[in-house]
Amino acid sequence: MAAACASDDAADTEQQLSDDPVRIGLVAPQTGPLKVVGDDLVNGFQLYLQLNQNRLGGHPVQLVTADEGADAKSAKAAVESLLGQGALALTGVANSAALSGLRDTVEGAKVPLIATNGVPGSLEGVLYIWSASFVDNEPSLALGSYLTGVVPSSQKVAVVAPNDDTGRDAVDKFRQTFGADNRLIETFWTAPTVAPNKDFFRPTLGQLRSSGADVVYAFYTGPAAVEFVKQYHSEGLGATIYAPGGFTEGTALEDMGDEAKGIFTAMNYSADLNNAANRLFATAYQREHDLLPSASAMASYDAAQVLDRAIRLCGGRPTAQQVNLMLGRVGQVDSPRGTWQFNQPRRPQQKWYLREVRPDGQVLSNVLLSELATLG
């Protein structure tokens, strides 16, 4: 196999080459607030193909993309379009909420979908939906356990989150892992939103100031995270912010600028991880796109890697059901995030890392501080 997988020798690889193409469907938003995530999903998958002669499991790849759109309805239409074009497997999906709406379509078609952004916990154990990324509530599990051990007894911790299914689940998991403790005070809820306006958070931030919190866990990503930070600083708040990794990923960090300094995040990946797989991936990604890779780009790269292995294990002319079966047999994955493997519910068992936004040379970066936990 090529360097990105490095599991078979050259002779075995040559013997398994085939002229029969395989068609892979990639679902990603091409417009709107989640387009930046969609671009990462496309870029990560395509990079793996570029590094592996545009082949998966020895077969030439026809990669077909479909616009995920902004909601579950448009995501379903994208999936149905790709299924109609004979996709052997599906990958992508930026919107966690939309992923839930794809369950019946994917299960009915019996075609595996490897999700490469956050996935809801309610999908654990679904036969044909896998995740190469993480479960939405895992940053909360990692940070709740960490903060309960490091926040002084004299300080207060507050939580701010959107009042939707994902936000409520994240808050529940954070509170469970932090434990019943006087340091953990209120949860301040905001309306669900992807792209808030410049005054959206101000009422909540007023409540947060009055609470006297020293530490804030803010469960937002993308444009909502950017607006939260800007309004947070304009209101003069100074509590230390902890957040899921998507809070400071990709262009969100660029849009926050210096106001992002000192924000701590929990993520299953950091672009400065020092391992051979990440040196290959991060260097190639930065050369190709002139920016550091995000966790979403990494997960999409890994989705291609596990499909490479699963299709190779099928041999001959693989079917979607054979690929789905073989995904459970790929074993440990030598990934830019560190070694991981699928657990029984088809999610990664993997390490989580604590990162801090600080200058790295001339640019602000999510700098790796330590390992937090192994989850999954």
Foldseek 3Di string as FASTA:
>chain_A
DFPLFPDDDPVVLVVQADAAEAEEEEEAACDDQRNQLRVLLVLLQVLLCVRVVCDFLNHHYDYHYFHCPDALVSVLVSVVVSVVVPHLAYEEDADQRSVVSCLVVCLVSLFAYEYQYEHAPVLFQRLRYFYLFYHLQVQLLLVLLVCLPPDDLVFAEEEEFEPDPSGVSNVVNNDVNVDPHPRYDYYQYFHDDSADDLCRCVVVLVVVVVVRHQEYEYEHAGNVLLSCLVSNVVVPDDHAYEYAQRSCDDCSVVSNPPSQARHKHKGLAFLPDDDPSSVVSQVSSCVVPVDGRGSSSQSSNVVSVLSSQLSSVQGDDDHSNSSSVSSQVSPWGCGNSGIWHADNSNYIFGWMFMFGFDDDDPDTGGHTDGIRDTDD
